[in-house]
Amino acid sequence: MIRRHKESLGTIPLIRRWDPQEREHSEPLPFLFQHSRGPLRGVFSTSRIAKLLRTACTAAAEDRPEFEGLAFTPHDFRRIFATDLVNNGPPIHIGAALLGHANVQTTKGLRCRVR
C-alpha cells in the first residue's frame, strides 16, 4: 500500500476521515486505505475493506483449499501491526502514539499478551 501511494504521489497524502462513532472528522493523517475520485481523496470505510478482504479470501481459496472458510477483518490487521510494533518496533511511547492509544499502558498490555 505504501509503495502504491509513493509511486503515484511521492508520499502518503494526509487526509481527514469521518468517524461515525465520534461523529467528527479526524486530524489529517496518512491513512493507507485511500481512494480518489478526481481531485478528491477519501478513506475506504471499514465495511468496504472487509468486503475486499472477503473477496480476496474467496479468491485465495480457489487455488489453495486450506484457505477455504478463512476470514479476516480490518481489525485483525491492526492487531498484527500492533503486535509487530510492540515486539520489534520503536520505543513503546512512540508505538502508543502510532496506534492512537491515549495511555501507554494500553500498548504495554499488548506486549504482555503477545509474548
N, C-alpha and C. Protein backbone atom coordinates (compact mmCIF):
# COMPACT_ATOMS: atom_id res chain seq x y z
N MET A 1 0.82 -1.19 0.00
CA MET A 1 0.00 0.00 0.00
C MET A 1 0.87 1.25 0.00
N ILE A 2 1.89 1.25 0.84
CA ILE A 2 2.76 2.42 0.92
C ILE A 2 3.45 2.64 -0.41
N ARG A 3 3.95 1.58 -1.03
CA ARG A 3 4.64 1.70 -2.31
C ARG A 3 3.70 2.28 -3.37
N ARG A 4 2.45 1.84 -3.39
CA ARG A 4 1.49 2.35 -4.38
C ARG A 4 1.27 3.85 -4.20
N HIS A 5 1.12 4.29 -2.97
CA HIS A 5 0.93 5.73 -2.73
C HIS A 5 2.17 6.52 -3.12
N LYS A 6 3.33 6.01 -2.74
CA LYS A 6 4.57 6.75 -3.01
C LYS A 6 4.91 6.80 -4.49
N GLU A 7 4.62 5.71 -5.22
CA GLU A 7 4.93 5.70 -6.65
C GLU A 7 4.11 6.74 -7.40
N SER A 8 2.85 6.89 -7.05
CA SER A 8 1.99 7.81 -7.77
C SER A 8 2.04 9.23 -7.21
N LEU A 9 2.31 9.38 -5.91
CA LEU A 9 2.22 10.70 -5.29
C LEU A 9 3.51 11.17 -4.63
N GLY A 10 4.47 10.28 -4.44
CA GLY A 10 5.71 10.66 -3.78
C GLY A 10 5.63 10.55 -2.26
N THR A 11 4.44 10.55 -1.72
CA THR A 11 4.23 10.42 -0.28
C THR A 11 2.79 9.98 -0.04
N ILE A 12 2.50 9.58 1.17
CA ILE A 12 1.12 9.22 1.50
C ILE A 12 0.40 10.51 1.89
N PRO A 13 -0.65 10.88 1.16
CA PRO A 13 -1.34 12.13 1.46
C PRO A 13 -1.99 12.12 2.85
N LEU A 14 -1.99 13.27 3.48
CA LEU A 14 -2.68 13.42 4.75
C LEU A 14 -4.11 13.82 4.46
N ILE A 15 -5.05 13.01 4.93
CA ILE A 15 -6.46 13.32 4.71
C ILE A 15 -7.25 13.10 6.00
N ARG A 16 -8.42 13.68 6.03
CA ARG A 16 -9.31 13.54 7.18
C ARG A 16 -10.28 12.39 6.93
N ARG A 17 -10.68 11.73 8.01
CA ARG A 17 -11.63 10.62 7.91
C ARG A 17 -12.79 10.89 8.86
N TRP A 18 -13.99 10.68 8.37
CA TRP A 18 -15.17 10.82 9.22
C TRP A 18 -15.27 9.61 10.13
N ASP A 19 -15.37 9.84 11.42
CA ASP A 19 -15.53 8.77 12.40
C ASP A 19 -16.99 8.72 12.81
N PRO A 20 -17.74 7.69 12.39
CA PRO A 20 -19.16 7.65 12.70
C PRO A 20 -19.46 7.48 14.20
N GLN A 21 -18.55 6.85 14.96
CA GLN A 21 -18.78 6.70 16.39
C GLN A 21 -18.57 8.04 17.13
N GLU A 22 -17.50 8.74 16.78
CA GLU A 22 -17.20 10.01 17.42
C GLU A 22 -18.00 11.17 16.81
N ARG A 23 -18.51 10.92 15.61
CA ARG A 23 -19.28 11.93 14.87
C ARG A 23 -18.47 13.21 14.64
N GLU A 24 -17.23 12.99 14.19
CA GLU A 24 -16.36 14.10 13.85
C GLU A 24 -15.28 13.62 12.89
N HIS A 25 -14.63 14.57 12.24
CA HIS A 25 -13.52 14.24 11.34
C HIS A 25 -12.24 14.13 12.15
N SER A 26 -11.38 13.24 11.72
CA SER A 26 -10.08 13.09 12.36
C SER A 26 -9.17 14.24 11.95
N GLU A 27 -8.05 14.32 12.62
CA GLU A 27 -6.99 15.22 12.15
C GLU A 27 -6.47 14.64 10.84
N PRO A 28 -5.85 15.45 9.99
CA PRO A 28 -5.26 14.89 8.75
C PRO A 28 -4.20 13.85 9.09
N LEU A 29 -4.38 12.64 8.55
CA LEU A 29 -3.47 11.52 8.82
C LEU A 29 -3.15 10.78 7.53
N PRO A 30 -2.03 10.03 7.51
CA PRO A 30 -1.66 9.28 6.30
C PRO A 30 -2.33 7.91 6.24
N PHE A 31 -3.64 7.88 6.06
CA PHE A 31 -4.36 6.62 6.00
C PHE A 31 -3.87 5.79 4.82
N LEU A 32 -3.67 4.50 5.04
CA LEU A 32 -3.17 3.64 3.96
C LEU A 32 -4.25 3.28 2.95
N PHE A 33 -5.47 3.06 3.40
CA PHE A 33 -6.54 2.62 2.52
C PHE A 33 -7.32 3.82 2.01
N GLN A 34 -6.72 4.51 1.05
CA GLN A 34 -7.31 5.71 0.46
C GLN A 34 -7.82 5.41 -0.94
N HIS A 35 -8.74 6.25 -1.38
CA HIS A 35 -9.22 6.20 -2.76
C HIS A 35 -9.31 7.62 -3.26
N SER A 36 -9.37 7.76 -4.56
CA SER A 36 -9.51 9.10 -5.12
C SER A 36 -10.58 9.09 -6.20
N ARG A 37 -11.27 10.19 -6.26
CA ARG A 37 -12.26 10.43 -7.30
C ARG A 37 -11.95 11.81 -7.85
N GLY A 38 -11.26 11.81 -8.96
CA GLY A 38 -10.79 13.09 -9.48
C GLY A 38 -9.81 13.70 -8.49
N PRO A 39 -9.99 14.97 -8.14
CA PRO A 39 -9.05 15.60 -7.21
C PRO A 39 -9.36 15.28 -5.74
N LEU A 40 -10.48 14.64 -5.47
CA LEU A 40 -10.88 14.37 -4.09
C LEU A 40 -10.33 13.03 -3.61
N ARG A 41 -9.85 13.01 -2.38
CA ARG A 41 -9.33 11.79 -1.78
C ARG A 41 -10.18 11.46 -0.57
N GLY A 42 -10.36 10.18 -0.32
CA GLY A 42 -11.11 9.73 0.84
C GLY A 42 -10.51 8.46 1.39
N VAL A 43 -11.07 7.99 2.48
CA VAL A 43 -10.60 6.78 3.13
C VAL A 43 -11.68 5.71 2.95
N PHE A 44 -11.27 4.49 2.59
CA PHE A 44 -12.22 3.40 2.49
C PHE A 44 -12.85 3.15 3.85
N SER A 45 -14.13 2.87 3.88
CA SER A 45 -14.80 2.53 5.13
C SER A 45 -14.36 1.13 5.56
N THR A 46 -14.53 0.84 6.83
CA THR A 46 -14.16 -0.50 7.31
C THR A 46 -15.02 -1.57 6.66
N SER A 47 -16.28 -1.23 6.35
CA SER A 47 -17.13 -2.23 5.68
C SER A 47 -16.63 -2.50 4.26
N ARG A 48 -16.14 -1.48 3.57
CA ARG A 48 -15.59 -1.68 2.22
C ARG A 48 -14.32 -2.52 2.28
N ILE A 49 -13.46 -2.25 3.24
CA ILE A 49 -12.23 -3.03 3.40
C ILE A 49 -12.58 -4.47 3.74
N ALA A 50 -13.57 -4.68 4.61
CA ALA A 50 -13.99 -6.04 4.97
C ALA A 50 -14.48 -6.78 3.73
N LYS A 51 -15.23 -6.10 2.87
CA LYS A 51 -15.73 -6.74 1.65
C LYS A 51 -14.56 -7.11 0.73
N LEU A 52 -13.57 -6.23 0.60
CA LEU A 52 -12.39 -6.53 -0.21
C LEU A 52 -11.63 -7.73 0.36
N LEU A 53 -11.54 -7.81 1.68
CA LEU A 53 -10.86 -8.95 2.32
C LEU A 53 -11.61 -10.25 2.07
N ARG A 54 -12.95 -10.22 2.17
CA ARG A 54 -13.74 -11.43 1.89
C ARG A 54 -13.52 -11.90 0.45
N THR A 55 -13.50 -10.95 -0.48
CA THR A 55 -13.28 -11.28 -1.89
C THR A 55 -11.90 -11.90 -2.08
N ALA A 56 -10.88 -11.33 -1.43
CA ALA A 56 -9.51 -11.86 -1.55
C ALA A 56 -9.41 -13.25 -0.94
N CYS A 57 -10.06 -13.48 0.19
CA CYS A 57 -10.03 -14.81 0.83
C CYS A 57 -10.72 -15.85 -0.04
N THR A 58 -11.83 -15.47 -0.65
CA THR A 58 -12.56 -16.39 -1.54
C THR A 58 -11.70 -16.73 -2.75
N ALA A 59 -11.04 -15.73 -3.32
CA ALA A 59 -10.17 -15.96 -4.48
C ALA A 59 -8.99 -16.85 -4.10
N ALA A 60 -8.41 -16.64 -2.94
CA ALA A 60 -7.27 -17.46 -2.50
C ALA A 60 -7.70 -18.91 -2.32
N ALA A 61 -8.92 -19.12 -1.84
CA ALA A 61 -9.41 -20.48 -1.59
C ALA A 61 -9.62 -21.27 -2.88
N GLU A 62 -9.80 -20.59 -4.00
CA GLU A 62 -9.99 -21.29 -5.27
C GLU A 62 -8.73 -22.08 -5.66
N ASP A 63 -7.55 -21.51 -5.38
CA ASP A 63 -6.29 -22.16 -5.72
C ASP A 63 -5.69 -22.93 -4.55
N ARG A 64 -6.05 -22.54 -3.33
CA ARG A 64 -5.46 -23.14 -2.14
C ARG A 64 -6.57 -23.58 -1.20
N PRO A 65 -6.96 -24.84 -1.22
CA PRO A 65 -8.09 -25.32 -0.42
C PRO A 65 -7.95 -25.05 1.08
N GLU A 66 -6.71 -24.95 1.57
CA GLU A 66 -6.53 -24.71 3.01
C GLU A 66 -7.05 -23.33 3.43
N PHE A 67 -7.31 -22.46 2.46
CA PHE A 67 -7.86 -21.14 2.77
C PHE A 67 -9.39 -21.13 2.75
N GLU A 68 -10.01 -22.26 2.48
CA GLU A 68 -11.48 -22.35 2.45
C GLU A 68 -12.05 -21.95 3.81
N GLY A 69 -12.99 -21.03 3.80
CA GLY A 69 -13.63 -20.57 5.03
C GLY A 69 -12.84 -19.56 5.83
N LEU A 70 -11.65 -19.19 5.36
CA LEU A 70 -10.81 -18.22 6.05
C LEU A 70 -11.43 -16.84 5.95
N ALA A 71 -11.40 -16.10 7.03
CA ALA A 71 -11.97 -14.75 7.03
C ALA A 71 -11.10 -13.83 7.87
N PHE A 72 -10.87 -12.63 7.39
CA PHE A 72 -10.13 -11.61 8.11
C PHE A 72 -11.02 -10.38 8.25
N THR A 73 -10.77 -9.61 9.29
CA THR A 73 -11.43 -8.32 9.46
C THR A 73 -10.35 -7.25 9.40
N PRO A 74 -10.72 -6.01 9.13
CA PRO A 74 -9.72 -4.93 9.16
C PRO A 74 -9.01 -4.86 10.52
N HIS A 75 -9.73 -5.15 11.59
CA HIS A 75 -9.11 -5.05 12.91
C HIS A 75 -8.05 -6.14 13.12
N ASP A 76 -8.18 -7.29 12.43
CA ASP A 76 -7.15 -8.33 12.50
C ASP A 76 -5.80 -7.76 12.06
N PHE A 77 -5.82 -6.94 11.02
CA PHE A 77 -4.57 -6.37 10.52
C PHE A 77 -4.02 -5.32 11.47
N ARG A 78 -4.90 -4.60 12.16
CA ARG A 78 -4.43 -3.66 13.18
C ARG A 78 -3.74 -4.44 14.30
N ARG A 79 -4.33 -5.57 14.69
CA ARG A 79 -3.71 -6.39 15.74
C ARG A 79 -2.33 -6.92 15.31
N ILE A 80 -2.25 -7.38 14.07
CA ILE A 80 -0.97 -7.88 13.55
C ILE A 80 0.07 -6.76 13.56
N PHE A 81 -0.34 -5.58 13.07
CA PHE A 81 0.55 -4.43 13.06
C PHE A 81 0.98 -4.07 14.48
N ALA A 82 0.02 -4.02 15.41
CA ALA A 82 0.32 -3.64 16.79
C ALA A 82 1.26 -4.64 17.44
N THR A 83 1.02 -5.92 17.22
CA THR A 83 1.88 -6.96 17.80
C THR A 83 3.31 -6.81 17.30
N ASP A 84 3.47 -6.65 15.99
CA ASP A 84 4.80 -6.48 15.43
C ASP A 84 5.45 -5.20 15.94
N LEU A 85 4.66 -4.15 16.05
CA LEU A 85 5.19 -2.86 16.50
C LEU A 85 5.74 -2.94 17.92
N VAL A 86 4.97 -3.51 18.84
CA VAL A 86 5.43 -3.54 20.23
C VAL A 86 6.56 -4.55 20.45
N ASN A 87 6.63 -5.58 19.62
CA ASN A 87 7.69 -6.57 19.79
C ASN A 87 8.98 -6.22 19.05
N ASN A 88 8.88 -5.48 17.96
CA ASN A 88 10.06 -5.25 17.12
C ASN A 88 10.27 -3.80 16.71
N GLY A 89 9.41 -2.92 17.16
CA GLY A 89 9.42 -1.56 16.64
C GLY A 89 10.11 -0.55 17.53
N PRO A 90 9.66 0.67 17.42
CA PRO A 90 10.26 1.78 18.17
C PRO A 90 9.92 1.69 19.66
N PRO A 91 10.42 2.64 20.46
CA PRO A 91 10.07 2.66 21.88
C PRO A 91 8.55 2.66 22.08
N ILE A 92 8.13 2.14 23.22
CA ILE A 92 6.70 1.89 23.48
C ILE A 92 5.86 3.16 23.39
N HIS A 93 6.39 4.31 23.81
CA HIS A 93 5.58 5.54 23.76
C HIS A 93 5.33 5.99 22.32
N ILE A 94 6.26 5.70 21.43
CA ILE A 94 6.05 6.04 20.01
C ILE A 94 5.04 5.07 19.41
N GLY A 95 5.14 3.80 19.76
CA GLY A 95 4.16 2.82 19.30
C GLY A 95 2.75 3.18 19.77
N ALA A 96 2.63 3.63 21.01
CA ALA A 96 1.33 4.04 21.54
C ALA A 96 0.76 5.19 20.72
N ALA A 97 1.59 6.16 20.39
CA ALA A 97 1.13 7.30 19.59
C ALA A 97 0.69 6.85 18.20
N LEU A 98 1.45 5.95 17.58
CA LEU A 98 1.09 5.45 16.24
C LEU A 98 -0.23 4.70 16.25
N LEU A 99 -0.50 3.99 17.34
CA LEU A 99 -1.73 3.23 17.45
C LEU A 99 -2.92 4.08 17.92
N GLY A 100 -2.63 5.30 18.33
CA GLY A 100 -3.70 6.18 18.80
C GLY A 100 -4.12 5.90 20.22
N HIS A 101 -3.26 5.25 21.00
CA HIS A 101 -3.57 4.97 22.40
C HIS A 101 -3.24 6.19 23.25
N ALA A 102 -4.22 6.66 23.99
CA ALA A 102 -4.02 7.81 24.87
C ALA A 102 -3.16 7.43 26.08
N ASN A 103 -3.22 6.17 26.47
CA ASN A 103 -2.49 5.70 27.64
C ASN A 103 -1.49 4.63 27.20
N VAL A 104 -0.24 4.82 27.53
CA VAL A 104 0.80 3.87 27.12
C VAL A 104 0.57 2.49 27.76
N GLN A 105 -0.18 2.42 28.86
CA GLN A 105 -0.48 1.14 29.50
C GLN A 105 -1.29 0.24 28.58
N THR A 106 -2.13 0.83 27.73
CA THR A 106 -2.90 0.05 26.76
C THR A 106 -1.94 -0.67 25.82
N THR A 107 -0.93 0.03 25.37
CA THR A 107 0.06 -0.55 24.46
C THR A 107 0.92 -1.56 25.19
N LYS A 108 1.29 -1.29 26.43
CA LYS A 108 2.08 -2.25 27.20
C LYS A 108 1.30 -3.55 27.39
N GLY A 109 -0.01 -3.47 27.50
CA GLY A 109 -0.84 -4.66 27.61
C GLY A 109 -0.69 -5.57 26.42
N LEU A 110 -0.49 -4.97 25.22
CA LEU A 110 -0.27 -5.77 24.03
C LEU A 110 1.01 -6.57 24.16
N ARG A 111 2.05 -5.94 24.68
CA ARG A 111 3.33 -6.61 24.82
C ARG A 111 3.19 -7.83 25.73
N CYS A 112 2.44 -7.70 26.81
CA CYS A 112 2.28 -8.82 27.75
C CYS A 112 1.53 -9.97 27.10
N ARG A 113 0.51 -9.66 26.30
CA ARG A 113 -0.32 -10.72 25.72
C ARG A 113 0.38 -11.46 24.59
N VAL A 114 1.29 -10.82 23.88
CA VAL A 114 1.84 -11.45 22.69
C VAL A 114 3.14 -12.19 22.93
N ARG A 115 3.71 -12.08 24.09
CA ARG A 115 4.99 -12.75 24.33
C ARG A 115 4.82 -14.12 24.89
